[in-house]
Amino acid sequence: MSRLMKASVLTCVMLGAVVSSATAQTATGSILAKANVLKALTVTAGGDLDFGLVVAGVNKTIATSAGGAGKFTIEGQANQAVNVSFTSLPATLSGTGPAIPISYTGAYSGTNSAGSGTSFSPSVGLNISNQALSGAGFMYIFLGGTVSPAAGQTPGVYQGTVTIEVGYNGY
């Protein structure tokens, strides 16, 4: 073999070793893909907003802390903030005669006690970004209000459906 050929073969072998060693010097890294699943939210109706017997022409009010107040129980992930909105909050109650106007008051609490609740306006809804579900994962919504039957209101049962929607803040 000629010297030139030997030098060429040796050069190719050395270049191959350099290329081979360059690809052998790779680095790797790893991360975890994670998700922390929140407990599903549930809403339970605890009692109707019940004005009981109402006299025609006389307004009747039920406080959020009184018997007859409506109540919803929300359960979910402890200490997580939620949005509460009323998707159905009728302005009148329908029945056997002309509709009866109704207005609402509300309170929410981390305990099952309306007396310790924070007041809010149900017509505006509730976005609790600084108040989360309790450490046990509960929030209680109490609903009061006033009905204003007309002086000649037709006797009978009048009603309307109140519906809330609850979701975690930011989700």
C-alpha atoms as a PDB file:
ATOM      1  CA  MET A   1       0.000   0.000   0.000  1.00  0.00           C
ATOM      2  CA  SER A   2       1.320   3.341  -0.822  1.00  0.00           C
ATOM      3  CA  ARG A   3       2.173   5.846   1.822  1.00  0.00           C
ATOM      4  CA  LEU A   4      -0.477   8.249   0.582  1.00  0.00           C
ATOM      5  CA  MET A   5      -3.120   5.594   0.723  1.00  0.00           C
ATOM      6  CA  LYS A   6      -2.057   4.541   4.229  1.00  0.00           C
ATOM      7  CA  ALA A   7      -2.192   8.176   5.366  1.00  0.00           C
ATOM      8  CA  SER A   8      -5.666   8.589   3.854  1.00  0.00           C
ATOM      9  CA  VAL A   9      -6.983   5.438   5.553  1.00  0.00           C
ATOM     10  CA  LEU A  10      -5.453   6.510   8.861  1.00  0.00           C
ATOM     11  CA  THR A  11      -6.987   9.999   8.518  1.00  0.00           C
ATOM     12  CA  CYS A  12     -10.433   8.523   7.792  1.00  0.00           C
ATOM     13  CA  VAL A  13     -10.167   6.182  10.784  1.00  0.00           C
ATOM     14  CA  MET A  14      -9.167   9.078  13.062  1.00  0.00           C
ATOM     15  CA  LEU A  15     -11.957  11.331  11.740  1.00  0.00           C
ATOM     16  CA  GLY A  16     -14.429   8.522  12.292  1.00  0.00           C
ATOM     17  CA  ALA A  17     -13.261   8.178  15.887  1.00  0.00           C
ATOM     18  CA  VAL A  18     -13.677  11.933  16.435  1.00  0.00           C
ATOM     19  CA  VAL A  19     -17.190  11.958  14.933  1.00  0.00           C
ATOM     20  CA  SER A  20     -18.069   8.817  16.842  1.00  0.00           C
ATOM     21  CA  SER A  21     -16.888  10.275  20.153  1.00  0.00           C
ATOM     22  CA  ALA A  22     -18.752  13.561  19.504  1.00  0.00           C
ATOM     23  CA  THR A  23     -22.085  11.781  19.162  1.00  0.00           C
ATOM     24  CA  ALA A  24     -21.370   9.680  22.238  1.00  0.00           C
ATOM     25  CA  GLN A  25     -21.170  12.837  24.380  1.00  0.00           C
ATOM     26  CA  THR A  26     -24.920  13.653  24.536  1.00  0.00           C
ATOM     27  CA  ALA A  27     -26.852  14.802  27.591  1.00  0.00           C
ATOM     28  CA  THR A  28     -30.429  14.134  28.622  1.00  0.00           C
ATOM     29  CA  GLY A  29     -32.868  15.587  31.155  1.00  0.00           C
ATOM     30  CA  SER A  30     -36.280  14.663  32.450  1.00  0.00           C
ATOM     31  CA  ILE A  31     -39.309  16.406  33.904  1.00  0.00           C
ATOM     32  CA  LEU A  32     -42.561  15.077  35.294  1.00  0.00           C
ATOM     33  CA  ALA A  33     -45.925  15.757  33.686  1.00  0.00           C
ATOM     34  CA  LYS A  34     -48.311  16.240  36.627  1.00  0.00           C
ATOM     35  CA  ALA A  35     -51.941  17.086  37.343  1.00  0.00           C
ATOM     36  CA  ASN A  36     -53.612  17.657  40.695  1.00  0.00           C
ATOM     37  CA  VAL A  37     -57.300  16.809  40.275  1.00  0.00           C
ATOM     38  CA  LEU A  38     -59.738  18.839  42.360  1.00  0.00           C
ATOM     39  CA  LYS A  39     -62.669  17.158  44.090  1.00  0.00           C
ATOM     40  CA  ALA A  40     -65.831  17.462  41.979  1.00  0.00           C
ATOM     41  CA  LEU A  41     -68.224  20.189  43.113  1.00  0.00           C
ATOM     42  CA  THR A  42     -71.689  19.223  44.261  1.00  0.00           C
ATOM     43  CA  VAL A  43     -74.661  21.426  45.116  1.00  0.00           C
ATOM     44  CA  THR A  44     -77.434  20.158  47.339  1.00  0.00           C
ATOM     45  CA  ALA A  45     -80.713  22.002  47.875  1.00  0.00           C
ATOM     46  CA  GLY A  46     -81.257  22.182  51.615  1.00  0.00           C
ATOM     47  CA  GLY A  47     -84.629  23.866  51.783  1.00  0.00           C
ATOM     48  CA  ASP A  48     -86.969  26.088  49.785  1.00  0.00           C
ATOM     49  CA  LEU A  49     -87.370  29.833  50.337  1.00  0.00           C
ATOM     50  CA  ASP A  50     -90.821  29.448  51.893  1.00  0.00           C
ATOM     51  CA  PHE A  51     -92.878  32.507  52.801  1.00  0.00           C
ATOM     52  CA  GLY A  52     -95.675  30.334  54.133  1.00  0.00           C
ATOM     53  CA  LEU A  53     -99.060  32.033  54.374  1.00  0.00           C
ATOM     54  CA  VAL A  54     -99.111  35.546  52.893  1.00  0.00           C
ATOM     55  CA  VAL A  55    -101.901  38.104  53.243  1.00  0.00           C
ATOM     56  CA  ALA A  56    -102.996  39.997  50.100  1.00  0.00           C
ATOM     57  CA  GLY A  57    -101.687  43.570  50.167  1.00  0.00           C
ATOM     58  CA  VAL A  58     -99.123  42.870  52.933  1.00  0.00           C
ATOM     59  CA  ASN A  59     -95.411  42.427  52.198  1.00  0.00           C
ATOM     60  CA  LYS A  60     -93.726  39.490  53.888  1.00  0.00           C
ATOM     61  CA  THR A  61     -89.987  39.178  54.495  1.00  0.00           C
ATOM     62  CA  ILE A  62     -87.890  36.137  55.355  1.00  0.00           C
ATOM     63  CA  ALA A  63     -84.359  36.867  56.653  1.00  0.00           C
ATOM     64  CA  THR A  64     -81.438  34.682  55.521  1.00  0.00           C
ATOM     65  CA  SER A  65     -81.080  33.484  59.122  1.00  0.00           C
ATOM     66  CA  ALA A  66     -84.790  32.732  59.654  1.00  0.00           C
ATOM     67  CA  GLY A  67     -86.766  29.546  59.336  1.00  0.00           C
ATOM     68  CA  GLY A  68     -88.153  29.483  55.821  1.00  0.00           C
ATOM     69  CA  ALA A  69     -84.909  30.793  54.283  1.00  0.00           C
ATOM     70  CA  GLY A  70     -83.686  28.861  51.267  1.00  0.00           C
ATOM     71  CA  LYS A  71     -80.416  26.989  51.550  1.00  0.00           C
ATOM     72  CA  PHE A  72     -77.878  25.422  49.210  1.00  0.00           C
ATOM     73  CA  THR A  73     -74.919  23.334  50.375  1.00  0.00           C
ATOM     74  CA  ILE A  74     -71.815  23.384  48.178  1.00  0.00           C
ATOM     75  CA  GLU A  75     -69.157  20.728  48.646  1.00  0.00           C
ATOM     76  CA  GLY A  76     -65.794  20.545  46.910  1.00  0.00           C
ATOM     77  CA  GLN A  77     -62.038  20.818  47.396  1.00  0.00           C
ATOM     78  CA  ALA A  78     -61.136  22.302  50.780  1.00  0.00           C
ATOM     79  CA  ASN A  79     -59.883  25.902  50.739  1.00  0.00           C
ATOM     80  CA  GLN A  80     -60.529  26.432  46.994  1.00  0.00           C
ATOM     81  CA  ALA A  81     -62.245  29.642  45.840  1.00  0.00           C
ATOM     82  CA  VAL A  82     -65.480  29.312  43.868  1.00  0.00           C
ATOM     83  CA  ASN A  83     -67.803  31.412  41.715  1.00  0.00           C
ATOM     84  CA  VAL A  84     -71.494  31.238  42.522  1.00  0.00           C
ATOM     85  CA  SER A  85     -74.079  32.680  40.165  1.00  0.00           C
ATOM     86  CA  PHE A  86     -77.841  32.426  40.012  1.00  0.00           C
ATOM     87  CA  THR A  87     -78.873  31.146  36.590  1.00  0.00           C
ATOM     88  CA  SER A  88     -82.530  31.432  37.526  1.00  0.00           C
ATOM     89  CA  LEU A  89     -83.661  34.102  39.978  1.00  0.00           C
ATOM     90  CA  PRO A  90     -87.248  35.008  39.103  1.00  0.00           C
ATOM     91  CA  ALA A  91     -88.405  38.594  39.665  1.00  0.00           C
ATOM     92  CA  THR A  92     -91.959  37.342  40.224  1.00  0.00           C
ATOM     93  CA  LEU A  93     -93.748  34.276  41.537  1.00  0.00           C
ATOM     94  CA  SER A  94     -96.371  32.780  39.228  1.00  0.00           C
ATOM     95  CA  GLY A  95     -99.621  31.201  40.314  1.00  0.00           C
ATOM     96  CA  THR A  96    -103.402  31.444  40.128  1.00  0.00           C
ATOM     97  CA  GLY A  97    -103.518  35.225  39.636  1.00  0.00           C
ATOM     98  CA  PRO A  98    -101.245  38.129  38.716  1.00  0.00           C
ATOM     99  CA  ALA A  99     -97.558  37.454  39.420  1.00  0.00           C
ATOM    100  CA  ILE A 100     -96.234  38.468  42.834  1.00  0.00           C
ATOM    101  CA  PRO A 101     -93.007  40.557  42.853  1.00  0.00           C
ATOM    102  CA  ILE A 102     -90.127  39.102  44.876  1.00  0.00           C
ATOM    103  CA  SER A 103     -86.738  40.511  45.885  1.00  0.00           C
ATOM    104  CA  TYR A 104     -83.858  38.557  47.398  1.00  0.00           C
ATOM    105  CA  THR A 105     -81.180  38.788  50.068  1.00  0.00           C
ATOM    106  CA  GLY A 106     -78.320  36.346  50.472  1.00  0.00           C
ATOM    107  CA  ALA A 107     -75.603  35.220  52.848  1.00  0.00           C
ATOM    108  CA  TYR A 108     -72.804  32.674  52.547  1.00  0.00           C
ATOM    109  CA  SER A 109     -70.808  30.908  55.215  1.00  0.00           C
ATOM    110  CA  GLY A 110     -68.249  28.158  55.650  1.00  0.00           C
ATOM    111  CA  THR A 111     -70.350  26.858  58.532  1.00  0.00           C
ATOM    112  CA  ASN A 112     -73.933  25.701  58.500  1.00  0.00           C
ATOM    113  CA  SER A 113     -75.061  28.870  60.286  1.00  0.00           C
ATOM    114  CA  ALA A 114     -76.713  31.734  58.411  1.00  0.00           C
ATOM    115  CA  GLY A 115     -76.193  33.972  61.443  1.00  0.00           C
ATOM    116  CA  SER A 116     -72.423  33.876  60.871  1.00  0.00           C
ATOM    117  CA  GLY A 117     -72.741  34.424  57.107  1.00  0.00           C
ATOM    118  CA  THR A 118     -71.482  37.248  54.914  1.00  0.00           C
ATOM    119  CA  SER A 119     -74.233  39.154  53.096  1.00  0.00           C
ATOM    120  CA  PHE A 120     -74.340  39.442  49.299  1.00  0.00           C
ATOM    121  CA  SER A 121     -76.815  40.430  46.598  1.00  0.00           C
ATOM    122  CA  PRO A 122     -78.139  37.347  44.781  1.00  0.00           C
ATOM    123  CA  SER A 123     -79.039  39.432  41.717  1.00  0.00           C
ATOM    124  CA  VAL A 124     -75.334  40.292  41.295  1.00  0.00           C
ATOM    125  CA  GLY A 125     -74.143  36.757  42.020  1.00  0.00           C
ATOM    126  CA  LEU A 126     -71.094  35.860  43.972  1.00  0.00           C
ATOM    127  CA  ASN A 127     -67.437  35.683  42.999  1.00  0.00           C
ATOM    128  CA  ILE A 128     -65.590  34.646  46.085  1.00  0.00           C
ATOM    129  CA  SER A 129     -61.926  35.136  45.247  1.00  0.00           C
ATOM    130  CA  ASN A 130     -60.865  35.918  48.793  1.00  0.00           C
ATOM    131  CA  GLN A 131     -63.271  33.471  50.476  1.00  0.00           C
ATOM    132  CA  ALA A 132     -62.852  29.818  49.685  1.00  0.00           C
ATOM    133  CA  LEU A 133     -64.709  26.694  50.598  1.00  0.00           C
ATOM    134  CA  SER A 134     -64.071  25.865  54.246  1.00  0.00           C
ATOM    135  CA  GLY A 135     -61.190  23.694  55.412  1.00  0.00           C
ATOM    136  CA  ALA A 136     -63.683  20.828  55.367  1.00  0.00           C
ATOM    137  CA  GLY A 137     -64.669  21.714  51.751  1.00  0.00           C
ATOM    138  CA  PHE A 138     -68.100  23.278  52.359  1.00  0.00           C
ATOM    139  CA  MET A 139     -69.921  26.537  51.698  1.00  0.00           C
ATOM    140  CA  TYR A 140     -73.517  27.263  52.584  1.00  0.00           C
ATOM    141  CA  ILE A 141     -75.663  29.739  50.660  1.00  0.00           C
ATOM    142  CA  PHE A 142     -78.714  31.138  52.490  1.00  0.00           C
ATOM    143  CA  LEU A 143     -81.452  32.918  50.557  1.00  0.00           C
ATOM    144  CA  GLY A 144     -84.042  35.257  52.033  1.00  0.00           C
ATOM    145  CA  GLY A 145     -86.329  37.803  50.433  1.00  0.00           C
ATOM    146  CA  THR A 146     -89.530  39.791  50.365  1.00  0.00           C
ATOM    147  CA  VAL A 147     -92.770  39.123  48.479  1.00  0.00           C
ATOM    148  CA  SER A 148     -95.178  41.964  47.725  1.00  0.00           C
ATOM    149  CA  PRO A 149     -98.669  40.626  46.904  1.00  0.00           C
ATOM    150  CA  ALA A 150    -101.207  43.107  45.547  1.00  0.00           C
ATOM    151  CA  ALA A 151    -104.156  44.204  47.703  1.00  0.00           C
ATOM    152  CA  GLY A 152    -106.560  42.161  45.577  1.00  0.00           C
ATOM    153  CA  GLN A 153    -104.172  39.225  44.994  1.00  0.00           C
ATOM    154  CA  THR A 154    -105.972  36.057  43.889  1.00  0.00           C
ATOM    155  CA  PRO A 155    -105.679  33.330  46.550  1.00  0.00           C
ATOM    156  CA  GLY A 156    -103.569  30.280  45.674  1.00  0.00           C
ATOM    157  CA  VAL A 157    -100.043  28.948  45.510  1.00  0.00           C
ATOM    158  CA  TYR A 158     -97.377  31.072  43.761  1.00  0.00           C
ATOM    159  CA  GLN A 159     -93.860  29.905  43.014  1.00  0.00           C
ATOM    160  CA  GLY A 160     -90.708  30.326  40.958  1.00  0.00           C
ATOM    161  CA  THR A 161     -87.535  28.253  40.579  1.00  0.00           C
ATOM    162  CA  VAL A 162     -84.190  29.537  41.891  1.00  0.00           C
ATOM    163  CA  THR A 163     -81.141  27.830  40.382  1.00  0.00           C
ATOM    164  CA  ILE A 164     -77.461  28.363  41.187  1.00  0.00           C
ATOM    165  CA  GLU A 165     -74.350  27.418  39.279  1.00  0.00           C
ATOM    166  CA  VAL A 166     -71.031  26.866  41.027  1.00  0.00           C
ATOM    167  CA  GLY A 167     -67.530  26.534  39.579  1.00  0.00           C
ATOM    168  CA  TYR A 168     -63.962  26.780  40.805  1.00  0.00           C
ATOM    169  CA  ASN A 169     -62.331  30.196  40.213  1.00  0.00           C
ATOM    170  CA  GLY A 170     -60.157  30.095  37.109  1.00  0.00           C
ATOM    171  CA  TYR A 171     -61.320  26.695  35.815  1.00  0.00           C
END
